[in-house]
Amino acid sequence: MAQLLATLPGSYDNLAQSRASPGHSPLRLVIAPVEAPLVGDHVYYVQEMAADNANRVLAQRLYVVSPVTDAEMAVLTQVELVEPLRWRDGHLKRNLFQSMLMQDLRVRAGCDLLFRRDKAAFTAALTGNCRGSARDTGEALRVEQRVTLDADSIAMFEQQRDAAGKLVYGDEPDPWYRYARRADAPW
């Protein structure tokens, strides 16, 4: 658990992947530990933005990491922010989260990732029946996610399928987004 908590935070980008594969937009990902006492002991603010424009924020969320008792595993709970603009650039103002209340959050039910140690890396997969909704139609979608994390990178896989099993999101030839660590967390 301690090694996972130390490895997760940092600044990442997928510039090498986006140059090699035009289907992947160039992105920057920041994962920063924050103090949110009412949310959990190990809380991380995550902000995804365009690699060439940090003002173009594409996604924000929280990761809450909890150990699995009597096992060398940890559960990462994905949490959406009810008012994302209020928390924007939270990695630059981490004390902002001390005032966070549970009504500021929306837990993604069934979307917990179970992290396991796999040699020099950590791997994770969903533990439940994760659902999302289509941006254009609101249709319920089944979500599949996986993560691989090591000292130099984080790779994220996500695909979404409709009720008939048709792929709606993540249909690139390579559905993995591979982010290289560019800086360790300065915090």
N, C-alpha and C. Protein backbone atom coordinates (compact mmCIF):
# COMPACT_ATOMS: atom_id res chain seq x y z
N MET A 1 0.83 -1.20 0.00
CA MET A 1 0.00 0.00 0.00
C MET A 1 0.87 1.26 0.00
N ALA A 2 1.90 1.27 0.85
CA ALA A 2 2.76 2.45 0.93
C ALA A 2 3.44 2.73 -0.40
N GLN A 3 3.86 1.68 -1.08
CA GLN A 3 4.53 1.88 -2.37
C GLN A 3 3.55 2.38 -3.43
N LEU A 4 2.33 1.88 -3.43
CA LEU A 4 1.31 2.37 -4.36
C LEU A 4 1.03 3.85 -4.11
N LEU A 5 0.89 4.23 -2.86
CA LEU A 5 0.61 5.62 -2.51
C LEU A 5 1.76 6.54 -2.91
N ALA A 6 2.98 6.04 -2.87
CA ALA A 6 4.14 6.84 -3.27
C ALA A 6 4.31 6.89 -4.79
N THR A 7 3.87 5.87 -5.49
CA THR A 7 4.06 5.78 -6.95
C THR A 7 2.99 6.53 -7.73
N LEU A 8 1.78 6.58 -7.22
CA LEU A 8 0.64 7.15 -7.96
C LEU A 8 0.78 8.64 -8.28
N PRO A 9 1.14 9.50 -7.34
CA PRO A 9 1.16 10.94 -7.66
C PRO A 9 2.26 11.32 -8.63
N GLY A 10 1.98 12.34 -9.45
CA GLY A 10 2.97 12.84 -10.39
C GLY A 10 2.32 13.58 -11.54
N SER A 11 3.16 14.03 -12.44
CA SER A 11 2.72 14.70 -13.65
C SER A 11 3.08 13.79 -14.82
N TYR A 12 2.11 13.52 -15.68
CA TYR A 12 2.27 12.56 -16.77
C TYR A 12 1.81 13.20 -18.08
N ASP A 13 2.30 12.67 -19.20
CA ASP A 13 1.74 13.03 -20.50
C ASP A 13 1.86 11.83 -21.45
N ASN A 14 1.07 11.88 -22.52
CA ASN A 14 1.11 10.81 -23.53
C ASN A 14 1.62 11.34 -24.86
N LEU A 15 2.54 12.29 -24.83
CA LEU A 15 3.04 12.91 -26.06
C LEU A 15 3.66 11.89 -27.02
N ALA A 16 4.46 10.97 -26.51
CA ALA A 16 5.08 9.97 -27.38
C ALA A 16 4.01 9.13 -28.07
N GLN A 17 3.01 8.72 -27.33
CA GLN A 17 1.94 7.92 -27.91
C GLN A 17 1.15 8.73 -28.94
N SER A 18 0.84 9.99 -28.64
CA SER A 18 0.03 10.79 -29.57
C SER A 18 0.77 11.06 -30.87
N ARG A 19 2.10 11.16 -30.82
CA ARG A 19 2.89 11.34 -32.06
C ARG A 19 2.88 10.08 -32.90
N ALA A 20 2.92 8.93 -32.25
CA ALA A 20 2.98 7.65 -32.96
C ALA A 20 1.60 7.17 -33.41
N SER A 21 0.56 7.62 -32.72
CA SER A 21 -0.79 7.15 -33.02
C SER A 21 -1.75 8.34 -33.07
N PRO A 22 -2.12 8.79 -34.26
CA PRO A 22 -2.98 9.97 -34.39
C PRO A 22 -4.34 9.83 -33.70
N GLY A 23 -4.77 8.65 -33.38
CA GLY A 23 -6.05 8.44 -32.70
C GLY A 23 -6.03 8.85 -31.24
N HIS A 24 -4.86 9.14 -30.71
CA HIS A 24 -4.73 9.53 -29.31
C HIS A 24 -4.38 11.01 -29.21
N SER A 25 -5.25 11.79 -28.63
CA SER A 25 -5.00 13.21 -28.43
C SER A 25 -3.85 13.39 -27.44
N PRO A 26 -3.03 14.43 -27.62
CA PRO A 26 -1.96 14.69 -26.65
C PRO A 26 -2.54 15.25 -25.35
N LEU A 27 -2.32 14.53 -24.28
CA LEU A 27 -2.92 14.87 -22.99
C LEU A 27 -1.86 14.98 -21.90
N ARG A 28 -2.20 15.72 -20.87
CA ARG A 28 -1.39 15.80 -19.66
C ARG A 28 -2.28 15.38 -18.51
N LEU A 29 -1.73 14.64 -17.58
CA LEU A 29 -2.46 14.12 -16.44
C LEU A 29 -1.69 14.46 -15.18
N VAL A 30 -2.37 15.06 -14.21
CA VAL A 30 -1.75 15.38 -12.93
C VAL A 30 -2.52 14.64 -11.85
N ILE A 31 -1.78 13.93 -11.01
CA ILE A 31 -2.37 13.22 -9.87
C ILE A 31 -1.67 13.73 -8.62
N ALA A 32 -2.42 14.43 -7.75
CA ALA A 32 -1.81 15.08 -6.58
C ALA A 32 -2.53 14.67 -5.30
N PRO A 33 -1.77 14.33 -4.26
CA PRO A 33 -2.42 14.03 -2.98
C PRO A 33 -3.01 15.32 -2.39
N VAL A 34 -4.19 15.19 -1.82
CA VAL A 34 -4.84 16.34 -1.18
C VAL A 34 -5.36 15.92 0.20
N GLU A 35 -5.55 16.89 1.04
CA GLU A 35 -6.12 16.62 2.36
C GLU A 35 -7.62 16.89 2.30
N ALA A 36 -8.38 15.83 2.36
CA ALA A 36 -9.84 15.90 2.38
C ALA A 36 -10.31 14.97 3.49
N PRO A 37 -10.22 15.42 4.75
CA PRO A 37 -10.45 14.55 5.89
C PRO A 37 -11.81 13.85 5.91
N LEU A 38 -12.84 14.49 5.39
CA LEU A 38 -14.16 13.85 5.41
C LEU A 38 -14.35 12.84 4.28
N VAL A 39 -13.41 12.82 3.34
CA VAL A 39 -13.51 11.92 2.20
C VAL A 39 -12.72 10.63 2.44
N GLY A 40 -11.50 10.77 2.99
CA GLY A 40 -10.69 9.58 3.24
C GLY A 40 -9.28 9.96 3.66
N ASP A 41 -8.51 8.95 4.01
CA ASP A 41 -7.13 9.16 4.46
C ASP A 41 -6.17 9.37 3.29
N HIS A 42 -6.43 8.73 2.16
CA HIS A 42 -5.54 8.79 1.01
C HIS A 42 -6.34 9.25 -0.22
N VAL A 43 -6.40 10.56 -0.40
CA VAL A 43 -7.21 11.16 -1.45
C VAL A 43 -6.30 11.87 -2.44
N TYR A 44 -6.59 11.68 -3.74
CA TYR A 44 -5.80 12.28 -4.81
C TYR A 44 -6.73 13.06 -5.74
N TYR A 45 -6.32 14.27 -6.07
CA TYR A 45 -7.02 15.06 -7.07
C TYR A 45 -6.40 14.71 -8.43
N VAL A 46 -7.24 14.45 -9.41
CA VAL A 46 -6.79 14.08 -10.75
C VAL A 46 -7.36 15.09 -11.74
N GLN A 47 -6.47 15.66 -12.55
CA GLN A 47 -6.91 16.59 -13.58
C GLN A 47 -6.26 16.19 -14.91
N GLU A 48 -7.12 16.02 -15.91
CA GLU A 48 -6.66 15.70 -17.26
C GLU A 48 -6.88 16.94 -18.12
N MET A 49 -5.85 17.31 -18.89
CA MET A 49 -5.95 18.51 -19.72
C MET A 49 -5.22 18.30 -21.03
N ALA A 50 -5.47 19.19 -21.96
CA ALA A 50 -4.76 19.15 -23.24
C ALA A 50 -3.28 19.41 -22.95
N ALA A 51 -2.41 18.65 -23.60
CA ALA A 51 -0.97 18.78 -23.35
C ALA A 51 -0.43 20.14 -23.76
N ASP A 52 -1.05 20.75 -24.76
CA ASP A 52 -0.55 22.04 -25.24
C ASP A 52 -1.28 23.24 -24.64
N ASN A 53 -2.24 23.00 -23.75
CA ASN A 53 -3.01 24.10 -23.17
C ASN A 53 -3.58 23.66 -21.82
N ALA A 54 -2.88 24.01 -20.75
CA ALA A 54 -3.31 23.60 -19.41
C ALA A 54 -4.64 24.23 -19.01
N ASN A 55 -5.07 25.27 -19.71
CA ASN A 55 -6.37 25.87 -19.42
C ASN A 55 -7.53 25.08 -20.00
N ARG A 56 -7.23 24.14 -20.89
CA ARG A 56 -8.28 23.30 -21.48
C ARG A 56 -8.40 22.01 -20.67
N VAL A 57 -9.11 22.10 -19.58
CA VAL A 57 -9.30 20.97 -18.67
C VAL A 57 -10.39 20.07 -19.23
N LEU A 58 -10.06 18.79 -19.38
CA LEU A 58 -10.99 17.84 -19.97
C LEU A 58 -11.73 17.01 -18.93
N ALA A 59 -11.09 16.76 -17.79
CA ALA A 59 -11.72 15.95 -16.75
C ALA A 59 -11.08 16.25 -15.40
N GLN A 60 -11.88 16.13 -14.37
CA GLN A 60 -11.41 16.26 -12.99
C GLN A 60 -12.13 15.19 -12.17
N ARG A 61 -11.43 14.65 -11.21
CA ARG A 61 -12.03 13.66 -10.32
C ARG A 61 -11.15 13.47 -9.11
N LEU A 62 -11.61 12.68 -8.19
CA LEU A 62 -10.81 12.29 -7.05
C LEU A 62 -10.63 10.78 -7.09
N TYR A 63 -9.47 10.35 -6.63
CA TYR A 63 -9.21 8.94 -6.36
C TYR A 63 -9.08 8.81 -4.85
N VAL A 64 -9.80 7.88 -4.27
CA VAL A 64 -9.68 7.59 -2.85
C VAL A 64 -9.13 6.17 -2.74
N VAL A 65 -7.94 6.03 -2.15
CA VAL A 65 -7.27 4.74 -2.08
C VAL A 65 -7.40 4.20 -0.66
N SER A 66 -7.85 2.94 -0.56
CA SER A 66 -8.03 2.28 0.73
C SER A 66 -7.39 0.90 0.69
N PRO A 67 -6.71 0.52 1.76
CA PRO A 67 -6.11 -0.83 1.77
C PRO A 67 -7.18 -1.89 1.92
N VAL A 68 -6.89 -3.07 1.39
CA VAL A 68 -7.74 -4.24 1.60
C VAL A 68 -7.15 -4.98 2.80
N THR A 69 -7.94 -5.16 3.84
CA THR A 69 -7.46 -5.77 5.07
C THR A 69 -6.91 -7.16 4.81
N ASP A 70 -5.75 -7.45 5.41
CA ASP A 70 -5.10 -8.76 5.33
C ASP A 70 -4.76 -9.19 3.90
N ALA A 71 -4.49 -8.24 3.03
CA ALA A 71 -4.11 -8.57 1.65
C ALA A 71 -3.18 -7.49 1.14
N GLU A 72 -2.37 -7.85 0.18
CA GLU A 72 -1.49 -6.87 -0.44
C GLU A 72 -2.18 -6.26 -1.66
N MET A 73 -3.34 -5.67 -1.39
CA MET A 73 -4.14 -5.04 -2.43
C MET A 73 -4.69 -3.73 -1.89
N ALA A 74 -5.17 -2.90 -2.80
CA ALA A 74 -5.81 -1.64 -2.42
C ALA A 74 -6.96 -1.38 -3.39
N VAL A 75 -7.98 -0.72 -2.88
CA VAL A 75 -9.13 -0.34 -3.69
C VAL A 75 -9.03 1.15 -3.99
N LEU A 76 -9.19 1.50 -5.26
CA LEU A 76 -9.22 2.89 -5.68
C LEU A 76 -10.66 3.22 -6.07
N THR A 77 -11.27 4.10 -5.29
CA THR A 77 -12.64 4.53 -5.56
C THR A 77 -12.58 5.80 -6.41
N GLN A 78 -13.31 5.80 -7.51
CA GLN A 78 -13.34 6.96 -8.41
C GLN A 78 -14.53 7.84 -8.03
N VAL A 79 -14.25 9.12 -7.83
CA VAL A 79 -15.26 10.05 -7.34
C VAL A 79 -15.35 11.24 -8.29
N GLU A 80 -16.55 11.56 -8.71
CA GLU A 80 -16.78 12.74 -9.56
C GLU A 80 -17.08 13.94 -8.67
N LEU A 81 -16.73 15.12 -9.15
CA LEU A 81 -16.98 16.36 -8.42
C LEU A 81 -18.29 16.96 -8.89
N VAL A 82 -19.17 17.30 -7.96
CA VAL A 82 -20.48 17.85 -8.31
C VAL A 82 -20.33 19.22 -8.99
N GLU A 83 -19.42 20.05 -8.48
CA GLU A 83 -19.16 21.36 -9.07
C GLU A 83 -17.69 21.43 -9.50
N PRO A 84 -17.35 20.89 -10.66
CA PRO A 84 -15.94 20.80 -11.05
C PRO A 84 -15.20 22.14 -11.08
N LEU A 85 -15.86 23.21 -11.49
CA LEU A 85 -15.19 24.51 -11.57
C LEU A 85 -14.69 24.98 -10.20
N ARG A 86 -15.38 24.62 -9.16
CA ARG A 86 -14.99 25.00 -7.80
C ARG A 86 -13.64 24.41 -7.42
N TRP A 87 -13.31 23.24 -7.96
CA TRP A 87 -12.10 22.51 -7.57
C TRP A 87 -11.02 22.56 -8.64
N ARG A 88 -11.28 23.26 -9.72
CA ARG A 88 -10.34 23.32 -10.86
C ARG A 88 -8.94 23.72 -10.40
N ASP A 89 -7.94 23.08 -10.99
CA ASP A 89 -6.53 23.29 -10.64
C ASP A 89 -6.26 23.00 -9.17
N GLY A 90 -6.97 22.04 -8.64
CA GLY A 90 -6.81 21.65 -7.23
C GLY A 90 -5.41 21.19 -6.88
N HIS A 91 -4.65 20.73 -7.87
CA HIS A 91 -3.27 20.31 -7.61
C HIS A 91 -2.39 21.52 -7.27
N LEU A 92 -2.83 22.73 -7.59
CA LEU A 92 -2.08 23.94 -7.29
C LEU A 92 -2.52 24.58 -5.97
N LYS A 93 -3.67 24.18 -5.47
CA LYS A 93 -4.21 24.73 -4.22
C LYS A 93 -4.82 23.60 -3.39
N ARG A 94 -3.94 22.73 -2.93
CA ARG A 94 -4.38 21.48 -2.31
C ARG A 94 -5.09 21.64 -0.97
N ASN A 95 -4.90 22.76 -0.29
CA ASN A 95 -5.61 22.95 0.98
C ASN A 95 -7.10 23.25 0.74
N LEU A 96 -7.48 23.54 -0.50
CA LEU A 96 -8.87 23.78 -0.87
C LEU A 96 -9.78 22.62 -0.47
N PHE A 97 -9.26 21.42 -0.50
CA PHE A 97 -10.07 20.21 -0.28
C PHE A 97 -10.38 19.96 1.20
N GLN A 98 -9.75 20.70 2.09
CA GLN A 98 -10.04 20.53 3.52
C GLN A 98 -11.48 20.89 3.84
N SER A 99 -12.09 21.73 3.02
CA SER A 99 -13.48 22.13 3.24
C SER A 99 -14.48 21.23 2.52
N MET A 100 -13.99 20.22 1.81
CA MET A 100 -14.85 19.36 1.02
C MET A 100 -15.79 18.54 1.90
N LEU A 101 -17.05 18.49 1.49
CA LEU A 101 -18.06 17.69 2.18
C LEU A 101 -18.54 16.59 1.24
N MET A 102 -19.21 15.60 1.79
CA MET A 102 -19.67 14.47 0.98
C MET A 102 -20.68 14.92 -0.09
N GLN A 103 -21.44 15.98 0.15
CA GLN A 103 -22.38 16.45 -0.87
C GLN A 103 -21.69 17.10 -2.07
N ASP A 104 -20.38 17.33 -1.95
CA ASP A 104 -19.60 17.86 -3.08
C ASP A 104 -19.19 16.76 -4.06
N LEU A 105 -19.51 15.52 -3.72
CA LEU A 105 -18.99 14.36 -4.46
C LEU A 105 -20.10 13.47 -4.97
N ARG A 106 -19.77 12.72 -6.02
CA ARG A 106 -20.66 11.68 -6.54
C ARG A 106 -19.78 10.46 -6.82
N VAL A 107 -19.93 9.44 -5.98
CA VAL A 107 -19.13 8.22 -6.14
C VAL A 107 -19.64 7.45 -7.34
N ARG A 108 -18.72 6.97 -8.17
CA ARG A 108 -19.10 6.16 -9.33
C ARG A 108 -19.33 4.72 -8.86
N ALA A 109 -20.57 4.38 -8.57
CA ALA A 109 -20.92 3.07 -8.04
C ALA A 109 -20.49 1.97 -9.00
N GLY A 110 -19.87 0.94 -8.44
CA GLY A 110 -19.43 -0.21 -9.24
C GLY A 110 -18.15 0.04 -10.01
N CYS A 111 -17.54 1.22 -9.84
CA CYS A 111 -16.36 1.58 -10.63
C CYS A 111 -15.08 1.58 -9.81
N ASP A 112 -15.07 0.86 -8.69
CA ASP A 112 -13.84 0.75 -7.91
C ASP A 112 -12.84 -0.12 -8.66
N LEU A 113 -11.58 0.29 -8.59
CA LEU A 113 -10.49 -0.47 -9.20
C LEU A 113 -9.72 -1.18 -8.10
N LEU A 114 -9.48 -2.46 -8.27
CA LEU A 114 -8.71 -3.23 -7.30
C LEU A 114 -7.27 -3.34 -7.80
N PHE A 115 -6.34 -2.73 -7.04
CA PHE A 115 -4.91 -2.75 -7.39
C PHE A 115 -4.22 -3.93 -6.73
N ARG A 116 -3.41 -4.61 -7.53
CA ARG A 116 -2.57 -5.72 -7.06
C ARG A 116 -1.14 -5.45 -7.50
N ARG A 117 -0.22 -5.99 -6.75
CA ARG A 117 1.20 -5.89 -7.10
C ARG A 117 1.50 -6.96 -8.14
N ASP A 118 2.19 -6.57 -9.21
CA ASP A 118 2.57 -7.51 -10.26
C ASP A 118 4.03 -7.23 -10.61
N LYS A 119 4.94 -7.90 -9.95
CA LYS A 119 6.39 -7.69 -10.12
C LYS A 119 6.74 -6.24 -9.82
N ALA A 120 7.24 -5.49 -10.79
CA ALA A 120 7.66 -4.10 -10.56
C ALA A 120 6.53 -3.11 -10.79
N ALA A 121 5.34 -3.58 -11.10
CA ALA A 121 4.22 -2.69 -11.42
C ALA A 121 3.00 -3.04 -10.57
N PHE A 122 2.03 -2.16 -10.66
CA PHE A 122 0.72 -2.41 -10.07
C PHE A 122 -0.27 -2.52 -11.22
N THR A 123 -1.21 -3.45 -11.10
CA THR A 123 -2.25 -3.59 -12.10
C THR A 123 -3.60 -3.48 -11.40
N ALA A 124 -4.58 -2.98 -12.12
CA ALA A 124 -5.90 -2.81 -11.53
C ALA A 124 -6.97 -3.11 -12.56
N ALA A 125 -8.09 -3.60 -12.07
CA ALA A 125 -9.27 -3.84 -12.89
C ALA A 125 -10.50 -3.52 -12.05
N LEU A 126 -11.61 -3.31 -12.71
CA LEU A 126 -12.85 -2.99 -12.01
C LEU A 126 -13.28 -4.15 -11.13
N THR A 127 -13.88 -3.81 -10.00
CA THR A 127 -14.36 -4.84 -9.08
C THR A 127 -15.86 -5.06 -9.20
N GLY A 128 -16.56 -4.15 -9.86
CA GLY A 128 -18.01 -4.26 -9.93
C GLY A 128 -18.55 -4.02 -11.31
N ASN A 129 -19.84 -3.74 -11.35
CA ASN A 129 -20.55 -3.50 -12.59
C ASN A 129 -20.62 -2.00 -12.83
N CYS A 130 -19.58 -1.45 -13.47
CA CYS A 130 -19.45 -0.02 -13.68
C CYS A 130 -20.33 0.43 -14.84
N ARG A 131 -21.07 1.50 -14.62
CA ARG A 131 -21.95 2.05 -15.64
C ARG A 131 -21.63 3.51 -15.88
N GLY A 132 -21.84 3.94 -17.09
CA GLY A 132 -21.70 5.34 -17.46
C GLY A 132 -22.88 5.69 -18.34
N SER A 133 -22.84 6.88 -18.91
CA SER A 133 -23.92 7.26 -19.83
C SER A 133 -23.32 7.96 -21.04
N ALA A 134 -23.93 7.74 -22.19
CA ALA A 134 -23.49 8.35 -23.43
C ALA A 134 -23.69 9.85 -23.36
N ARG A 135 -22.69 10.62 -23.78
CA ARG A 135 -22.77 12.09 -23.71
C ARG A 135 -23.89 12.65 -24.56
N ASP A 136 -24.09 12.07 -25.74
CA ASP A 136 -25.08 12.63 -26.66
C ASP A 136 -26.50 12.16 -26.40
N THR A 137 -26.68 10.90 -25.98
CA THR A 137 -28.04 10.36 -25.83
C THR A 137 -28.43 10.09 -24.38
N GLY A 138 -27.47 10.01 -23.48
CA GLY A 138 -27.77 9.67 -22.09
C GLY A 138 -27.98 8.18 -21.87
N GLU A 139 -27.84 7.38 -22.94
CA GLU A 139 -28.03 5.93 -22.85
C GLU A 139 -27.04 5.32 -21.86
N ALA A 140 -27.51 4.35 -21.08
CA ALA A 140 -26.65 3.65 -20.12
C ALA A 140 -25.62 2.80 -20.87
N LEU A 141 -24.37 2.88 -20.40
CA LEU A 141 -23.29 2.13 -21.03
C LEU A 141 -22.57 1.31 -19.98
N ARG A 142 -22.09 0.14 -20.39
CA ARG A 142 -21.27 -0.71 -19.53
C ARG A 142 -19.82 -0.30 -19.74
N VAL A 143 -19.11 -0.05 -18.64
CA VAL A 143 -17.75 0.46 -18.70
C VAL A 143 -16.76 -0.64 -18.30
N GLU A 144 -15.69 -0.76 -19.07
CA GLU A 144 -14.58 -1.64 -18.73
C GLU A 144 -13.34 -0.77 -18.57
N GLN A 145 -12.66 -0.91 -17.43
CA GLN A 145 -11.45 -0.12 -17.18
C GLN A 145 -10.36 -1.03 -16.62
N ARG A 146 -9.12 -0.67 -16.98
CA ARG A 146 -7.93 -1.31 -16.41
C ARG A 146 -6.85 -0.25 -16.29
N VAL A 147 -5.94 -0.45 -15.36
CA VAL A 147 -4.84 0.48 -15.15
C VAL A 147 -3.57 -0.31 -14.86
N THR A 148 -2.46 0.16 -15.39
CA THR A 148 -1.14 -0.37 -15.05
C THR A 148 -0.29 0.82 -14.62
N LEU A 149 0.38 0.68 -13.48
CA LEU A 149 1.17 1.77 -12.92
C LEU A 149 2.54 1.25 -12.51
N ASP A 150 3.59 1.97 -12.91
CA ASP A 150 4.93 1.66 -12.41
C ASP A 150 5.64 2.98 -12.15
N ALA A 151 6.90 2.93 -11.81
CA ALA A 151 7.65 4.14 -11.44
C ALA A 151 7.78 5.14 -12.58
N ASP A 152 7.66 4.69 -13.82
CA ASP A 152 7.88 5.57 -14.97
C ASP A 152 6.62 5.93 -15.75
N SER A 153 5.50 5.25 -15.48
CA SER A 153 4.33 5.48 -16.34
C SER A 153 3.04 5.00 -15.68
N ILE A 154 1.95 5.45 -16.29
CA ILE A 154 0.63 4.94 -15.95
C ILE A 154 -0.11 4.73 -17.28
N ALA A 155 -0.73 3.59 -17.43
CA ALA A 155 -1.49 3.28 -18.64
C ALA A 155 -2.93 3.02 -18.23
N MET A 156 -3.86 3.60 -19.00
CA MET A 156 -5.28 3.49 -18.67
C MET A 156 -6.05 2.99 -19.89
N PHE A 157 -6.87 2.01 -19.64
CA PHE A 157 -7.71 1.41 -20.68
C PHE A 157 -9.16 1.67 -20.29
N GLU A 158 -9.94 2.15 -21.25
CA GLU A 158 -11.38 2.29 -20.99
C GLU A 158 -12.14 2.06 -22.28
N GLN A 159 -13.14 1.21 -22.18
CA GLN A 159 -14.08 1.00 -23.27
C GLN A 159 -15.49 1.06 -22.69
N GLN A 160 -16.42 1.55 -23.51
CA GLN A 160 -17.82 1.62 -23.09
C GLN A 160 -18.67 0.96 -24.16
N ARG A 161 -19.62 0.13 -23.72
CA ARG A 161 -20.49 -0.59 -24.64
C ARG A 161 -21.95 -0.33 -24.28
N ASP A 162 -22.79 -0.31 -25.32
CA ASP A 162 -24.23 -0.12 -25.08
C ASP A 162 -24.87 -1.44 -24.65
N ALA A 163 -26.17 -1.43 -24.47
CA ALA A 163 -26.89 -2.61 -23.99
C ALA A 163 -26.76 -3.80 -24.94
N ALA A 164 -26.58 -3.54 -26.23
CA ALA A 164 -26.43 -4.61 -27.22
C ALA A 164 -24.98 -5.11 -27.31
N GLY A 165 -24.07 -4.48 -26.55
CA GLY A 165 -22.67 -4.88 -26.59
C GLY A 165 -21.84 -4.16 -27.64
N LYS A 166 -22.46 -3.19 -28.33
CA LYS A 166 -21.74 -2.43 -29.36
C LYS A 166 -20.78 -1.44 -28.70
N LEU A 167 -19.57 -1.39 -29.21
CA LEU A 167 -18.56 -0.48 -28.70
C LEU A 167 -18.93 0.95 -29.04
N VAL A 168 -19.01 1.81 -28.01
CA VAL A 168 -19.40 3.21 -28.20
C VAL A 168 -18.20 4.13 -28.00
N TYR A 169 -17.31 3.78 -27.07
CA TYR A 169 -16.13 4.58 -26.76
C TYR A 169 -14.94 3.65 -26.55
N GLY A 170 -13.77 4.06 -27.04
CA GLY A 170 -12.58 3.26 -26.86
C GLY A 170 -12.31 2.34 -28.03
N ASP A 171 -12.74 2.78 -29.23
CA ASP A 171 -12.61 1.91 -30.40
C ASP A 171 -11.35 2.15 -31.21
N GLU A 172 -10.41 2.94 -30.66
CA GLU A 172 -9.16 3.12 -31.38
C GLU A 172 -8.48 1.76 -31.55
N PRO A 173 -7.57 1.65 -32.51
CA PRO A 173 -6.85 0.39 -32.65
C PRO A 173 -6.15 -0.01 -31.35
N ASP A 174 -5.76 1.00 -30.57
CA ASP A 174 -5.14 0.75 -29.27
C ASP A 174 -5.91 1.55 -28.23
N PRO A 175 -6.84 0.93 -27.49
CA PRO A 175 -7.66 1.67 -26.53
C PRO A 175 -6.92 2.09 -25.26
N TRP A 176 -5.65 1.75 -25.12
CA TRP A 176 -4.86 2.16 -23.97
C TRP A 176 -4.33 3.57 -24.16
N TYR A 177 -4.42 4.38 -23.14
CA TYR A 177 -3.73 5.67 -23.10
C TYR A 177 -2.51 5.47 -22.22
N ARG A 178 -1.32 5.68 -22.80
CA ARG A 178 -0.05 5.45 -22.11
C ARG A 178 0.61 6.78 -21.77
N TYR A 179 0.65 7.06 -20.49
CA TYR A 179 1.22 8.31 -20.00
C TYR A 179 2.60 8.04 -19.40
N ALA A 180 3.58 8.83 -19.80
CA ALA A 180 4.92 8.74 -19.23
C ALA A 180 5.02 9.75 -18.09
N ARG A 181 5.70 9.34 -17.03
CA ARG A 181 5.90 10.26 -15.90
C ARG A 181 6.90 11.33 -16.34
N ARG A 182 6.53 12.58 -16.20
CA ARG A 182 7.39 13.70 -16.56
C ARG A 182 8.00 14.36 -15.34
N ALA A 183 7.34 14.22 -14.22
CA ALA A 183 7.85 14.80 -12.97
C ALA A 183 7.24 14.06 -11.80
N ASP A 184 8.06 13.84 -10.81
CA ASP A 184 7.52 13.32 -9.57
C ASP A 184 6.74 14.42 -8.92
N ALA A 185 5.86 14.03 -8.08
CA ALA A 185 5.05 15.03 -7.38
C ALA A 185 5.94 15.90 -6.51
N PRO A 186 5.86 17.22 -6.66
CA PRO A 186 6.68 18.11 -5.85
C PRO A 186 6.12 18.28 -4.44
N TRP A 187 4.99 17.70 -4.18
CA TRP A 187 4.34 17.89 -2.89
C TRP A 187 4.73 16.83 -1.91
